[in-house]
Amino acid sequence: MGQKILVLIVIGCALALSACNTVKGLGEDIKSVGETADRAT
């Protein structure tokens, strides 16, 4: 029983960390698009 809980915690942490990286990457992409648009005008 305890081992199953530990596995679920590890999986949850991995998902949370990967989500943070995805959001960070999306923010950088949006920033890049905004900077490109500023240079174009």
C-alpha atoms as a PDB file:
ATOM      1  CA  MET A   1       0.000   0.000   0.000  1.00  0.00           C
ATOM      2  CA  GLY A   2       2.733   2.470   0.920  1.00  0.00           C
ATOM      3  CA  GLN A   3       4.666   1.727  -2.250  1.00  0.00           C
ATOM      4  CA  LYS A   4       1.627   2.549  -4.408  1.00  0.00           C
ATOM      5  CA  ILE A   5       1.257   5.904  -2.687  1.00  0.00           C
ATOM      6  CA  LEU A   6       4.939   6.656  -3.234  1.00  0.00           C
ATOM      7  CA  VAL A   7       4.638   5.836  -6.943  1.00  0.00           C
ATOM      8  CA  LEU A   8       1.611   8.146  -7.261  1.00  0.00           C
ATOM      9  CA  ILE A   9       3.495  10.961  -5.523  1.00  0.00           C
ATOM     10  CA  VAL A  10       6.500  10.549  -7.837  1.00  0.00           C
ATOM     11  CA  ILE A  11       4.272  10.539 -10.930  1.00  0.00           C
ATOM     12  CA  GLY A  12       2.415  13.610  -9.666  1.00  0.00           C
ATOM     13  CA  CYS A  13       5.677  15.482  -9.083  1.00  0.00           C
ATOM     14  CA  ALA A  14       6.948  14.570 -12.545  1.00  0.00           C
ATOM     15  CA  LEU A  15       3.746  15.845 -14.152  1.00  0.00           C
ATOM     16  CA  ALA A  16       3.847  19.076 -12.148  1.00  0.00           C
ATOM     17  CA  LEU A  17       7.458  19.758 -13.131  1.00  0.00           C
ATOM     18  CA  SER A  18       6.845  19.054 -16.798  1.00  0.00           C
ATOM     19  CA  ALA A  19       3.807  21.352 -16.758  1.00  0.00           C
ATOM     20  CA  CYS A  20       5.917  24.182 -15.327  1.00  0.00           C
ATOM     21  CA  ASN A  21       8.459  23.768 -18.120  1.00  0.00           C
ATOM     22  CA  THR A  22       5.702  23.765 -20.727  1.00  0.00           C
ATOM     23  CA  VAL A  23       4.169  26.984 -19.391  1.00  0.00           C
ATOM     24  CA  LYS A  24       7.599  28.620 -19.245  1.00  0.00           C
ATOM     25  CA  GLY A  25       8.298  27.643 -22.855  1.00  0.00           C
ATOM     26  CA  LEU A  26       4.910  28.950 -23.971  1.00  0.00           C
ATOM     27  CA  GLY A  27       5.607  32.272 -22.260  1.00  0.00           C
ATOM     28  CA  GLU A  28       8.952  32.562 -24.039  1.00  0.00           C
ATOM     29  CA  ASP A  29       7.292  31.802 -27.393  1.00  0.00           C
ATOM     30  CA  ILE A  30       4.646  34.484 -26.856  1.00  0.00           C
ATOM     31  CA  LYS A  31       7.343  36.981 -25.868  1.00  0.00           C
ATOM     32  CA  SER A  32       9.305  36.144 -29.014  1.00  0.00           C
ATOM     33  CA  VAL A  33       6.258  36.697 -31.220  1.00  0.00           C
ATOM     34  CA  GLY A  34       5.596  40.053 -29.544  1.00  0.00           C
ATOM     35  CA  GLU A  35       9.191  41.194 -30.061  1.00  0.00           C
ATOM     36  CA  THR A  36       9.095  40.140 -33.716  1.00  0.00           C
ATOM     37  CA  ALA A  37       5.864  42.084 -34.245  1.00  0.00           C
ATOM     38  CA  ASP A  38       7.417  45.173 -32.639  1.00  0.00           C
ATOM     39  CA  ARG A  39      10.407  45.004 -34.975  1.00  0.00           C
ATOM     40  CA  ALA A  40       8.166  44.580 -38.021  1.00  0.00           C
ATOM     41  CA  THR A  41       6.280  47.827 -37.377  1.00  0.00           C
END
